[in-house]
Amino acid sequence: MSRERPRRGLLPPAKENVEKLANVVKEGNYYGAQQMYKSISARYISAQRYSEALDIIMSGACIQLEHGQVTCGAELAVLFVETLVKGKFPYDEDILDRVRKIYKAFPRIPVPQHLDLGEDDDIQKLSEALGAAKIRVDGCSSFLKAAIKWSAEFGAHRNGSPELHDMLAEYLYSESPEVDMTRVSYHFVRGKHPRKFASTLVNFMGKCYPGEDDLAIARAILMYLSLGNLRDANYLMDELKKQVKGKELDFPNSDLIQLINYLLKTLQRDALPLFNMLRQAYKSSIDRESVFNELLDVIAEKFYGVQRRNPLQGMFGDIFKMMGADVM
């Protein structure tokens, strides 16, 4: 059964509008083009010509982003996903490629370094650069979170497309003015590239504050385990040690890392009493971050069938608070 009604007499082929609107952008009339992209695509959507609407919206998102119009481009990128939902498009490689193309159009601009913060001009430059970075990250995040939600509803993994999670994790890490490793880790563990995740963690370890490196490693491993993914948890730990050694860096040797090493061995067998003993023995290390206890409760349920006393806390508790109630 066709998704689209044959009403082609009322609207021209989408290609005509794509070319016309692209010229409006190239002339510098970004706002006028934006209104036209939205109004013209809405007509195709009303006619249930969703594929052509997607062509127009995708073209608009990419060309606005390529011209540095992040707010306009991000708005059209979200509209692209909303149109996927309206048209009930299933998740497949073709749509994933189109989402990836829009994602790659989002600017990647490093924040200025080596500024003299005693100079008013340099302070102004830094403030403007940080503000622009936040707009880019918020726009790309809104787009990819919407795409992840669509992918989960229309045929990808129940947690959403791993490829989309990897895209969001990489953009959050590379472009955020202040990196939130909890958000970055949340998406990497739902992705499919633990080696890339390891490289990102090693990079973070090279520039984080003292005491943050072992927390980042532990959080990453526990997040994998809370999904029942012992394989990638072990791979990540091995890859981290390998990459740190290759860069001649020191791997953290804290009580928290000892706990993680013991935990990875314990979860390979039916050893709930030992699991509970580890939680008790390393309580002070676990208490360094409130989310660790919640993650361990989820891990106990995944691996040993231990029912959480308050399942809703596990779903909407500390980890969601740390993510700003915005985990997608």
C-alpha atoms as a PDB file:
ATOM      1  CA  MET A   1       0.000   0.000   0.000  1.00  0.00           C
ATOM      2  CA  SER A   2       1.461   3.367  -1.031  1.00  0.00           C
ATOM      3  CA  ARG A   3       2.350   5.860   1.661  1.00  0.00           C
ATOM      4  CA  GLU A   4       1.612   8.826  -0.598  1.00  0.00           C
ATOM      5  CA  ARG A   5      -1.451   9.989  -2.463  1.00  0.00           C
ATOM      6  CA  PRO A   6      -0.968  10.686  -6.200  1.00  0.00           C
ATOM      7  CA  ARG A   7      -1.833  14.398  -6.218  1.00  0.00           C
ATOM      8  CA  ARG A   8       0.986  15.502  -8.458  1.00  0.00           C
ATOM      9  CA  GLY A   9      -1.071  18.004 -10.411  1.00  0.00           C
ATOM     10  CA  LEU A  10      -1.259  20.382  -7.471  1.00  0.00           C
ATOM     11  CA  LEU A  11       2.456  20.698  -6.690  1.00  0.00           C
ATOM     12  CA  PRO A  12       5.557  20.761  -8.886  1.00  0.00           C
ATOM     13  CA  PRO A  13       8.264  18.124  -8.492  1.00  0.00           C
ATOM     14  CA  ALA A  14      10.251  18.771  -5.336  1.00  0.00           C
ATOM     15  CA  LYS A  15      13.448  19.312  -7.324  1.00  0.00           C
ATOM     16  CA  GLU A  16      12.116  22.623  -8.644  1.00  0.00           C
ATOM     17  CA  ASN A  17      11.623  23.960  -5.127  1.00  0.00           C
ATOM     18  CA  VAL A  18      14.944  22.557  -3.929  1.00  0.00           C
ATOM     19  CA  GLU A  19      16.812  24.530  -6.587  1.00  0.00           C
ATOM     20  CA  LYS A  20      14.747  27.696  -6.109  1.00  0.00           C
ATOM     21  CA  LEU A  21      15.144  27.748  -2.338  1.00  0.00           C
ATOM     22  CA  ALA A  22      18.858  26.963  -2.499  1.00  0.00           C
ATOM     23  CA  ASN A  23      19.317  30.116  -4.558  1.00  0.00           C
ATOM     24  CA  VAL A  24      17.480  32.179  -1.951  1.00  0.00           C
ATOM     25  CA  VAL A  25      19.936  30.943   0.694  1.00  0.00           C
ATOM     26  CA  LYS A  26      22.931  31.607  -1.542  1.00  0.00           C
ATOM     27  CA  GLU A  27      21.710  35.195  -1.961  1.00  0.00           C
ATOM     28  CA  GLY A  28      21.943  35.578   1.819  1.00  0.00           C
ATOM     29  CA  ASN A  29      18.213  35.742   2.541  1.00  0.00           C
ATOM     30  CA  TYR A  30      18.417  33.082   5.262  1.00  0.00           C
ATOM     31  CA  TYR A  31      15.291  34.063   7.176  1.00  0.00           C
ATOM     32  CA  GLY A  32      13.144  34.364   4.062  1.00  0.00           C
ATOM     33  CA  ALA A  33      14.397  30.993   2.826  1.00  0.00           C
ATOM     34  CA  GLN A  34      13.643  29.425   6.201  1.00  0.00           C
ATOM     35  CA  GLN A  35      10.002  30.503   6.084  1.00  0.00           C
ATOM     36  CA  MET A  36       9.714  29.217   2.522  1.00  0.00           C
ATOM     37  CA  TYR A  37      11.281  25.851   3.397  1.00  0.00           C
ATOM     38  CA  LYS A  38       8.730  25.381   6.172  1.00  0.00           C
ATOM     39  CA  SER A  39       5.676  26.590   4.261  1.00  0.00           C
ATOM     40  CA  ILE A  40       6.440  24.792   0.981  1.00  0.00           C
ATOM     41  CA  SER A  41       7.357  21.483   2.677  1.00  0.00           C
ATOM     42  CA  ALA A  42       4.114  21.752   4.678  1.00  0.00           C
ATOM     43  CA  ARG A  43       2.164  21.676   1.410  1.00  0.00           C
ATOM     44  CA  TYR A  44       3.847  18.443   0.334  1.00  0.00           C
ATOM     45  CA  ILE A  45       3.187  16.959   3.764  1.00  0.00           C
ATOM     46  CA  SER A  46      -0.500  17.962   3.534  1.00  0.00           C
ATOM     47  CA  ALA A  47      -0.647  16.203   0.168  1.00  0.00           C
ATOM     48  CA  GLN A  48       1.009  13.184   1.809  1.00  0.00           C
ATOM     49  CA  ARG A  49       3.946  13.492  -0.582  1.00  0.00           C
ATOM     50  CA  TYR A  50       6.307  12.793   2.273  1.00  0.00           C
ATOM     51  CA  SER A  51       9.346  11.707   0.260  1.00  0.00           C
ATOM     52  CA  GLU A  52       9.393  14.985  -1.645  1.00  0.00           C
ATOM     53  CA  ALA A  53       8.871  16.934   1.566  1.00  0.00           C
ATOM     54  CA  LEU A  54      11.919  15.151   2.983  1.00  0.00           C
ATOM     55  CA  ASP A  55      13.973  16.096  -0.086  1.00  0.00           C
ATOM     56  CA  ILE A  56      13.105  19.779   0.387  1.00  0.00           C
ATOM     57  CA  ILE A  57      13.663  19.797   4.143  1.00  0.00           C
ATOM     58  CA  MET A  58      16.938  17.880   3.963  1.00  0.00           C
ATOM     59  CA  SER A  59      18.281  20.217   1.309  1.00  0.00           C
ATOM     60  CA  GLY A  60      17.290  23.199   3.434  1.00  0.00           C
ATOM     61  CA  ALA A  61      18.849  21.835   6.624  1.00  0.00           C
ATOM     62  CA  CYS A  62      22.161  21.084   4.910  1.00  0.00           C
ATOM     63  CA  ILE A  63      22.472  24.342   2.996  1.00  0.00           C
ATOM     64  CA  GLN A  64      21.542  26.484   6.014  1.00  0.00           C
ATOM     65  CA  LEU A  65      24.090  24.642   8.165  1.00  0.00           C
ATOM     66  CA  GLU A  66      26.737  24.943   5.456  1.00  0.00           C
ATOM     67  CA  HIS A  67      26.160  28.709   5.475  1.00  0.00           C
ATOM     68  CA  GLY A  68      26.595  28.823   9.265  1.00  0.00           C
ATOM     69  CA  GLN A  69      22.887  29.292   9.994  1.00  0.00           C
ATOM     70  CA  VAL A  70      22.813  26.773  12.822  1.00  0.00           C
ATOM     71  CA  THR A  71      19.478  27.754  14.358  1.00  0.00           C
ATOM     72  CA  CYS A  72      17.709  27.571  10.983  1.00  0.00           C
ATOM     73  CA  GLY A  73      19.482  24.366   9.977  1.00  0.00           C
ATOM     74  CA  ALA A  74      18.738  22.656  13.293  1.00  0.00           C
ATOM     75  CA  GLU A  75      15.053  23.629  13.067  1.00  0.00           C
ATOM     76  CA  LEU A  76      14.806  22.034   9.627  1.00  0.00           C
ATOM     77  CA  ALA A  77      16.784  18.986  10.813  1.00  0.00           C
ATOM     78  CA  VAL A  78      14.199  18.378  13.555  1.00  0.00           C
ATOM     79  CA  LEU A  79      11.418  18.946  11.007  1.00  0.00           C
ATOM     80  CA  PHE A  80      13.043  16.257   8.840  1.00  0.00           C
ATOM     81  CA  VAL A  81      12.646  13.738  11.688  1.00  0.00           C
ATOM     82  CA  GLU A  82       9.087  14.875  12.425  1.00  0.00           C
ATOM     83  CA  THR A  83       8.271  14.202   8.770  1.00  0.00           C
ATOM     84  CA  LEU A  84       9.776  10.715   9.037  1.00  0.00           C
ATOM     85  CA  VAL A  85       7.359  10.074  11.891  1.00  0.00           C
ATOM     86  CA  LYS A  86       4.345  11.540  10.054  1.00  0.00           C
ATOM     87  CA  GLY A  87       5.140   9.475   6.981  1.00  0.00           C
ATOM     88  CA  LYS A  88       5.771   6.370   9.103  1.00  0.00           C
ATOM     89  CA  PHE A  89       9.109   5.781   7.377  1.00  0.00           C
ATOM     90  CA  PRO A  90      10.808   2.604   8.632  1.00  0.00           C
ATOM     91  CA  TYR A  91      14.373   2.739   9.867  1.00  0.00           C
ATOM     92  CA  ASP A  92      16.754   1.633   7.113  1.00  0.00           C
ATOM     93  CA  GLU A  93      20.210   2.381   5.714  1.00  0.00           C
ATOM     94  CA  ASP A  94      18.932   4.920   3.195  1.00  0.00           C
ATOM     95  CA  ILE A  95      17.282   7.078   5.865  1.00  0.00           C
ATOM     96  CA  LEU A  96      20.279   6.596   8.162  1.00  0.00           C
ATOM     97  CA  ASP A  97      22.542   7.934   5.391  1.00  0.00           C
ATOM     98  CA  ARG A  98      20.323  11.000   5.034  1.00  0.00           C
ATOM     99  CA  VAL A  99      20.379  11.645   8.765  1.00  0.00           C
ATOM    100  CA  ARG A 100      24.156  11.218   8.703  1.00  0.00           C
ATOM    101  CA  LYS A 101      24.468  13.766   5.888  1.00  0.00           C
ATOM    102  CA  ILE A 102      22.576  16.371   7.926  1.00  0.00           C
ATOM    103  CA  TYR A 103      24.662  15.531  11.000  1.00  0.00           C
ATOM    104  CA  LYS A 104      27.902  16.041   9.075  1.00  0.00           C
ATOM    105  CA  ALA A 105      26.706  19.479   7.959  1.00  0.00           C
ATOM    106  CA  PHE A 106      26.641  20.726  11.570  1.00  0.00           C
ATOM    107  CA  PRO A 107      29.674  22.996  12.016  1.00  0.00           C
ATOM    108  CA  ARG A 108      32.675  21.910  14.047  1.00  0.00           C
ATOM    109  CA  ILE A 109      34.471  25.017  15.243  1.00  0.00           C
ATOM    110  CA  PRO A 110      37.127  24.855  17.972  1.00  0.00           C
ATOM    111  CA  VAL A 111      36.833  27.356  20.811  1.00  0.00           C
ATOM    112  CA  PRO A 112      39.662  29.929  20.561  1.00  0.00           C
ATOM    113  CA  GLN A 113      42.741  29.060  22.623  1.00  0.00           C
ATOM    114  CA  HIS A 114      45.580  31.126  24.107  1.00  0.00           C
ATOM    115  CA  LEU A 115      43.485  34.256  24.536  1.00  0.00           C
ATOM    116  CA  ASP A 116      44.562  37.055  26.871  1.00  0.00           C
ATOM    117  CA  LEU A 117      41.642  37.154  29.295  1.00  0.00           C
ATOM    118  CA  GLY A 118      42.958  40.456  30.623  1.00  0.00           C
ATOM    119  CA  GLU A 119      41.871  42.046  27.350  1.00  0.00           C
ATOM    120  CA  ASP A 120      38.231  43.009  26.907  1.00  0.00           C
ATOM    121  CA  ASP A 121      38.285  42.056  23.207  1.00  0.00           C
ATOM    122  CA  ASP A 122      39.537  38.560  23.964  1.00  0.00           C
ATOM    123  CA  ILE A 123      36.957  38.062  26.718  1.00  0.00           C
ATOM    124  CA  GLN A 124      34.262  39.123  24.251  1.00  0.00           C
ATOM    125  CA  LYS A 125      35.597  36.709  21.614  1.00  0.00           C
ATOM    126  CA  LEU A 126      35.602  33.829  24.108  1.00  0.00           C
ATOM    127  CA  SER A 127      32.094  34.637  25.330  1.00  0.00           C
ATOM    128  CA  GLU A 128      30.762  34.723  21.774  1.00  0.00           C
ATOM    129  CA  ALA A 129      32.546  31.487  20.857  1.00  0.00           C
ATOM    130  CA  LEU A 130      31.155  29.673  23.915  1.00  0.00           C
ATOM    131  CA  GLY A 131      27.641  30.939  23.167  1.00  0.00           C
ATOM    132  CA  ALA A 132      27.886  29.784  19.557  1.00  0.00           C
ATOM    133  CA  ALA A 133      29.200  26.374  20.641  1.00  0.00           C
ATOM    134  CA  LYS A 134      26.237  25.929  22.981  1.00  0.00           C
ATOM    135  CA  ILE A 135      23.806  26.765  20.163  1.00  0.00           C
ATOM    136  CA  ARG A 136      25.505  24.188  17.890  1.00  0.00           C
ATOM    137  CA  VAL A 137      25.459  21.469  20.543  1.00  0.00           C
ATOM    138  CA  ASP A 138      21.846  22.146  21.542  1.00  0.00           C
ATOM    139  CA  GLY A 139      20.736  22.133  17.901  1.00  0.00           C
ATOM    140  CA  CYS A 140      22.560  18.950  16.944  1.00  0.00           C
ATOM    141  CA  SER A 141      21.426  17.241  20.168  1.00  0.00           C
ATOM    142  CA  SER A 142      17.768  18.087  19.543  1.00  0.00           C
ATOM    143  CA  PHE A 143      18.024  16.688  16.021  1.00  0.00           C
ATOM    144  CA  LEU A 144      19.805  13.448  16.951  1.00  0.00           C
ATOM    145  CA  LYS A 145      17.681  12.790  20.037  1.00  0.00           C
ATOM    146  CA  ALA A 146      14.567  13.091  17.862  1.00  0.00           C
ATOM    147  CA  ALA A 147      16.165  10.759  15.311  1.00  0.00           C
ATOM    148  CA  ILE A 148      17.058   8.230  18.024  1.00  0.00           C
ATOM    149  CA  LYS A 149      13.464   8.270  19.264  1.00  0.00           C
ATOM    150  CA  TRP A 150      12.149   7.797  15.709  1.00  0.00           C
ATOM    151  CA  SER A 151      14.580   4.926  15.085  1.00  0.00           C
ATOM    152  CA  ALA A 152      13.475   3.141  18.261  1.00  0.00           C
ATOM    153  CA  GLU A 153       9.824   3.413  17.211  1.00  0.00           C
ATOM    154  CA  PHE A 154      10.319   2.434  13.574  1.00  0.00           C
ATOM    155  CA  GLY A 155      12.525  -0.611  13.456  1.00  0.00           C
ATOM    156  CA  ALA A 156      15.943  -0.064  15.007  1.00  0.00           C
ATOM    157  CA  HIS A 157      17.124  -1.378  18.394  1.00  0.00           C
ATOM    158  CA  ARG A 158      14.712  -0.679  21.248  1.00  0.00           C
ATOM    159  CA  ASN A 159      17.268   1.798  22.663  1.00  0.00           C
ATOM    160  CA  GLY A 160      17.478   3.510  19.279  1.00  0.00           C
ATOM    161  CA  SER A 161      19.969   3.238  16.454  1.00  0.00           C
ATOM    162  CA  PRO A 162      23.526   2.546  17.734  1.00  0.00           C
ATOM    163  CA  GLU A 163      24.908   4.609  14.846  1.00  0.00           C
ATOM    164  CA  LEU A 164      22.856   7.631  15.933  1.00  0.00           C
ATOM    165  CA  HIS A 165      23.975   7.226  19.546  1.00  0.00           C
ATOM    166  CA  ASP A 166      27.606   7.214  18.384  1.00  0.00           C
ATOM    167  CA  MET A 167      27.067  10.380  16.342  1.00  0.00           C
ATOM    168  CA  LEU A 168      25.577  12.195  19.314  1.00  0.00           C
ATOM    169  CA  ALA A 169      28.267  11.010  21.713  1.00  0.00           C
ATOM    170  CA  GLU A 170      31.033  12.186  19.370  1.00  0.00           C
ATOM    171  CA  TYR A 171      29.445  15.595  18.771  1.00  0.00           C
ATOM    172  CA  LEU A 172      28.760  16.159  22.482  1.00  0.00           C
ATOM    173  CA  TYR A 173      32.372  15.368  23.322  1.00  0.00           C
ATOM    174  CA  SER A 174      34.066  17.300  20.529  1.00  0.00           C
ATOM    175  CA  GLU A 175      31.863  20.409  20.496  1.00  0.00           C
ATOM    176  CA  SER A 176      30.515  20.991  24.035  1.00  0.00           C
ATOM    177  CA  PRO A 177      32.074  24.030  25.755  1.00  0.00           C
ATOM    178  CA  GLU A 178      31.996  22.032  29.007  1.00  0.00           C
ATOM    179  CA  VAL A 179      32.039  18.288  28.431  1.00  0.00           C
ATOM    180  CA  ASP A 180      29.522  16.253  30.419  1.00  0.00           C
ATOM    181  CA  MET A 181      31.031  12.760  30.365  1.00  0.00           C
ATOM    182  CA  THR A 182      27.868  11.270  31.829  1.00  0.00           C
ATOM    183  CA  ARG A 183      25.888  12.306  28.747  1.00  0.00           C
ATOM    184  CA  VAL A 184      28.713  11.304  26.422  1.00  0.00           C
ATOM    185  CA  SER A 185      28.977   7.877  28.071  1.00  0.00           C
ATOM    186  CA  TYR A 186      25.213   7.352  28.052  1.00  0.00           C
ATOM    187  CA  HIS A 187      25.222   7.498  24.252  1.00  0.00           C
ATOM    188  CA  PHE A 188      28.522   5.685  23.638  1.00  0.00           C
ATOM    189  CA  VAL A 189      27.368   2.607  25.599  1.00  0.00           C
ATOM    190  CA  ARG A 190      24.278   2.486  23.359  1.00  0.00           C
ATOM    191  CA  GLY A 191      26.479   2.756  20.283  1.00  0.00           C
ATOM    192  CA  LYS A 192      28.607   0.165  18.547  1.00  0.00           C
ATOM    193  CA  HIS A 193      32.161   1.524  18.776  1.00  0.00           C
ATOM    194  CA  PRO A 194      33.732   0.758  22.164  1.00  0.00           C
ATOM    195  CA  ARG A 195      37.187   1.383  20.666  1.00  0.00           C
ATOM    196  CA  LYS A 196      36.185   4.945  19.759  1.00  0.00           C
ATOM    197  CA  PHE A 197      34.724   5.290  23.247  1.00  0.00           C
ATOM    198  CA  ALA A 198      38.059   4.164  24.707  1.00  0.00           C
ATOM    199  CA  SER A 199      39.935   6.763  22.627  1.00  0.00           C
ATOM    200  CA  THR A 200      37.539   9.450  23.836  1.00  0.00           C
ATOM    201  CA  LEU A 201      38.039   8.440  27.475  1.00  0.00           C
ATOM    202  CA  VAL A 202      41.827   8.448  27.086  1.00  0.00           C
ATOM    203  CA  ASN A 203      41.625  11.915  25.565  1.00  0.00           C
ATOM    204  CA  PHE A 204      39.453  13.048  28.489  1.00  0.00           C
ATOM    205  CA  MET A 205      41.886  11.527  31.001  1.00  0.00           C
ATOM    206  CA  GLY A 206      44.631  13.672  29.519  1.00  0.00           C
ATOM    207  CA  LYS A 207      42.859  16.928  30.338  1.00  0.00           C
ATOM    208  CA  CYS A 208      40.438  16.290  33.216  1.00  0.00           C
ATOM    209  CA  TYR A 209      40.864  17.355  36.833  1.00  0.00           C
ATOM    210  CA  PRO A 210      42.610  14.953  39.244  1.00  0.00           C
ATOM    211  CA  GLY A 211      40.198  12.304  40.488  1.00  0.00           C
ATOM    212  CA  GLU A 212      37.890  12.527  37.483  1.00  0.00           C
ATOM    213  CA  ASP A 213      39.695   9.912  35.401  1.00  0.00           C
ATOM    214  CA  ASP A 214      38.781   6.867  37.488  1.00  0.00           C
ATOM    215  CA  LEU A 215      35.216   8.150  37.884  1.00  0.00           C
ATOM    216  CA  ALA A 216      34.841   8.400  34.101  1.00  0.00           C
ATOM    217  CA  ILE A 217      36.182   4.874  33.582  1.00  0.00           C
ATOM    218  CA  ALA A 218      34.009   3.370  36.325  1.00  0.00           C
ATOM    219  CA  ARG A 219      30.915   5.165  35.062  1.00  0.00           C
ATOM    220  CA  ALA A 220      31.487   3.879  31.524  1.00  0.00           C
ATOM    221  CA  ILE A 221      31.978   0.264  32.624  1.00  0.00           C
ATOM    222  CA  LEU A 222      28.982   0.333  34.973  1.00  0.00           C
ATOM    223  CA  MET A 223      26.780   1.820  32.249  1.00  0.00           C
ATOM    224  CA  TYR A 224      27.711  -1.021  29.883  1.00  0.00           C
ATOM    225  CA  LEU A 225      27.010  -3.561  32.626  1.00  0.00           C
ATOM    226  CA  SER A 226      23.654  -1.951  33.479  1.00  0.00           C
ATOM    227  CA  LEU A 227      22.629  -2.824  29.909  1.00  0.00           C
ATOM    228  CA  GLY A 228      23.767  -6.414  30.478  1.00  0.00           C
ATOM    229  CA  ASN A 229      26.695  -5.870  28.091  1.00  0.00           C
ATOM    230  CA  LEU A 230      29.589  -7.646  29.793  1.00  0.00           C
ATOM    231  CA  ARG A 231      31.399  -8.184  26.493  1.00  0.00           C
ATOM    232  CA  ASP A 232      31.840  -4.504  25.647  1.00  0.00           C
ATOM    233  CA  ALA A 233      32.538  -3.634  29.295  1.00  0.00           C
ATOM    234  CA  ASN A 234      35.503  -6.022  29.232  1.00  0.00           C
ATOM    235  CA  TYR A 235      36.573  -4.845  25.786  1.00  0.00           C
ATOM    236  CA  LEU A 236      36.488  -1.208  26.914  1.00  0.00           C
ATOM    237  CA  MET A 237      38.649  -1.906  29.971  1.00  0.00           C
ATOM    238  CA  ASP A 238      41.191  -3.884  27.934  1.00  0.00           C
ATOM    239  CA  GLU A 239      41.268  -1.243  25.200  1.00  0.00           C
ATOM    240  CA  LEU A 240      41.718   1.567  27.734  1.00  0.00           C
ATOM    241  CA  LYS A 241      44.716  -0.166  29.291  1.00  0.00           C
ATOM    242  CA  LYS A 242      46.170  -0.835  25.841  1.00  0.00           C
ATOM    243  CA  GLN A 243      45.760   2.759  24.651  1.00  0.00           C
ATOM    244  CA  VAL A 244      47.061   4.280  27.898  1.00  0.00           C
ATOM    245  CA  LYS A 245      50.142   2.066  27.711  1.00  0.00           C
ATOM    246  CA  GLY A 246      50.672   3.011  24.067  1.00  0.00           C
ATOM    247  CA  LYS A 247      50.647   6.699  24.999  1.00  0.00           C
ATOM    248  CA  GLU A 248      52.950   6.047  27.983  1.00  0.00           C
ATOM    249  CA  LEU A 249      50.377   7.408  30.419  1.00  0.00           C
ATOM    250  CA  ASP A 250      49.569   6.171  33.917  1.00  0.00           C
ATOM    251  CA  PHE A 251      46.395   4.152  34.288  1.00  0.00           C
ATOM    252  CA  PRO A 252      44.422   5.137  37.423  1.00  0.00           C
ATOM    253  CA  ASN A 253      45.096   2.795  40.327  1.00  0.00           C
ATOM    254  CA  SER A 254      42.405   3.732  42.812  1.00  0.00           C
ATOM    255  CA  ASP A 255      40.141   1.626  45.003  1.00  0.00           C
ATOM    256  CA  LEU A 256      37.332   2.375  42.548  1.00  0.00           C
ATOM    257  CA  ILE A 257      39.288   0.862  39.645  1.00  0.00           C
ATOM    258  CA  GLN A 258      40.095  -2.187  41.806  1.00  0.00           C
ATOM    259  CA  LEU A 259      36.354  -2.610  42.389  1.00  0.00           C
ATOM    260  CA  ILE A 260      35.655  -2.435  38.644  1.00  0.00           C
ATOM    261  CA  ASN A 261      38.331  -5.051  37.894  1.00  0.00           C
ATOM    262  CA  TYR A 262      36.934  -7.411  40.544  1.00  0.00           C
ATOM    263  CA  LEU A 263      33.392  -6.771  39.338  1.00  0.00           C
ATOM    264  CA  LEU A 264      34.195  -7.712  35.752  1.00  0.00           C
ATOM    265  CA  LYS A 265      35.547 -11.063  36.967  1.00  0.00           C
ATOM    266  CA  THR A 266      32.683 -11.665  39.416  1.00  0.00           C
ATOM    267  CA  LEU A 267      29.945 -11.130  36.807  1.00  0.00           C
ATOM    268  CA  GLN A 268      31.347 -13.937  34.672  1.00  0.00           C
ATOM    269  CA  ARG A 269      29.963 -16.484  37.113  1.00  0.00           C
ATOM    270  CA  ASP A 270      27.037 -17.034  39.450  1.00  0.00           C
ATOM    271  CA  ALA A 271      28.454 -15.224  42.468  1.00  0.00           C
ATOM    272  CA  LEU A 272      25.826 -12.975  44.004  1.00  0.00           C
ATOM    273  CA  PRO A 273      27.305 -13.258  47.559  1.00  0.00           C
ATOM    274  CA  LEU A 274      30.692 -12.068  46.243  1.00  0.00           C
ATOM    275  CA  PHE A 275      28.979  -9.254  44.325  1.00  0.00           C
ATOM    276  CA  ASN A 276      27.315  -8.085  47.546  1.00  0.00           C
ATOM    277  CA  MET A 277      30.604  -8.388  49.467  1.00  0.00           C
ATOM    278  CA  LEU A 278      32.309  -6.152  46.899  1.00  0.00           C
ATOM    279  CA  ARG A 279      29.590  -3.526  47.266  1.00  0.00           C
ATOM    280  CA  GLN A 280      30.076  -3.520  51.021  1.00  0.00           C
ATOM    281  CA  ALA A 281      33.873  -3.564  50.953  1.00  0.00           C
ATOM    282  CA  TYR A 282      34.111  -0.702  48.447  1.00  0.00           C
ATOM    283  CA  LYS A 283      31.183   1.324  49.757  1.00  0.00           C
ATOM    284  CA  SER A 284      33.235   4.499  50.212  1.00  0.00           C
ATOM    285  CA  SER A 285      34.431   4.342  46.600  1.00  0.00           C
ATOM    286  CA  ILE A 286      30.917   3.648  45.299  1.00  0.00           C
ATOM    287  CA  ASP A 287      29.578   6.587  47.285  1.00  0.00           C
ATOM    288  CA  ARG A 288      31.861   8.986  45.414  1.00  0.00           C
ATOM    289  CA  GLU A 289      29.089   9.310  42.810  1.00  0.00           C
ATOM    290  CA  SER A 290      25.435   8.830  43.678  1.00  0.00           C
ATOM    291  CA  VAL A 291      24.578   7.163  40.367  1.00  0.00           C
ATOM    292  CA  PHE A 292      26.955   4.227  41.045  1.00  0.00           C
ATOM    293  CA  ASN A 293      24.643   2.628  43.610  1.00  0.00           C
ATOM    294  CA  GLU A 294      21.724   2.883  41.223  1.00  0.00           C
ATOM    295  CA  LEU A 295      23.732   1.344  38.388  1.00  0.00           C
ATOM    296  CA  LEU A 296      24.836  -1.507  40.665  1.00  0.00           C
ATOM    297  CA  ASP A 297      21.195  -2.162  41.588  1.00  0.00           C
ATOM    298  CA  VAL A 298      20.362  -2.460  37.884  1.00  0.00           C
ATOM    299  CA  ILE A 299      23.397  -4.733  37.341  1.00  0.00           C
ATOM    300  CA  ALA A 300      22.282  -6.995  40.213  1.00  0.00           C
ATOM    301  CA  GLU A 301      18.896  -7.314  38.556  1.00  0.00           C
ATOM    302  CA  LYS A 302      20.359  -7.961  35.080  1.00  0.00           C
ATOM    303  CA  PHE A 303      22.909 -10.589  36.128  1.00  0.00           C
ATOM    304  CA  TYR A 304      21.413 -12.150  39.271  1.00  0.00           C
ATOM    305  CA  GLY A 305      17.678 -11.442  39.067  1.00  0.00           C
ATOM    306  CA  VAL A 306      17.675  -9.307  42.224  1.00  0.00           C
ATOM    307  CA  GLN A 307      14.511  -7.220  42.280  1.00  0.00           C
ATOM    308  CA  ARG A 308      15.067  -3.551  42.990  1.00  0.00           C
ATOM    309  CA  ARG A 309      13.135  -2.258  45.972  1.00  0.00           C
ATOM    310  CA  ASN A 310      11.858   0.663  43.915  1.00  0.00           C
ATOM    311  CA  PRO A 311      11.960  -0.071  40.171  1.00  0.00           C
ATOM    312  CA  LEU A 312      10.800   3.462  39.329  1.00  0.00           C
ATOM    313  CA  GLN A 313      13.851   4.859  41.077  1.00  0.00           C
ATOM    314  CA  GLY A 314      15.953   2.750  38.763  1.00  0.00           C
ATOM    315  CA  MET A 315      14.163   4.153  35.752  1.00  0.00           C
ATOM    316  CA  PHE A 316      13.947   7.799  36.738  1.00  0.00           C
ATOM    317  CA  GLY A 317      16.431   8.242  39.555  1.00  0.00           C
ATOM    318  CA  ASP A 318      19.883   9.689  40.013  1.00  0.00           C
ATOM    319  CA  ILE A 319      21.194   8.909  36.561  1.00  0.00           C
ATOM    320  CA  PHE A 320      18.350  10.846  34.931  1.00  0.00           C
ATOM    321  CA  LYS A 321      18.966  13.747  37.332  1.00  0.00           C
ATOM    322  CA  MET A 322      22.625  13.769  36.339  1.00  0.00           C
ATOM    323  CA  MET A 323      21.584  13.902  32.699  1.00  0.00           C
ATOM    324  CA  GLY A 324      19.310  16.860  33.398  1.00  0.00           C
ATOM    325  CA  ALA A 325      16.252  14.639  32.845  1.00  0.00           C
ATOM    326  CA  ASP A 326      17.306  14.688  29.194  1.00  0.00           C
ATOM    327  CA  VAL A 327      18.863  11.357  28.477  1.00  0.00           C
ATOM    328  CA  MET A 328      17.838  10.759  24.898  1.00  0.00           C
END
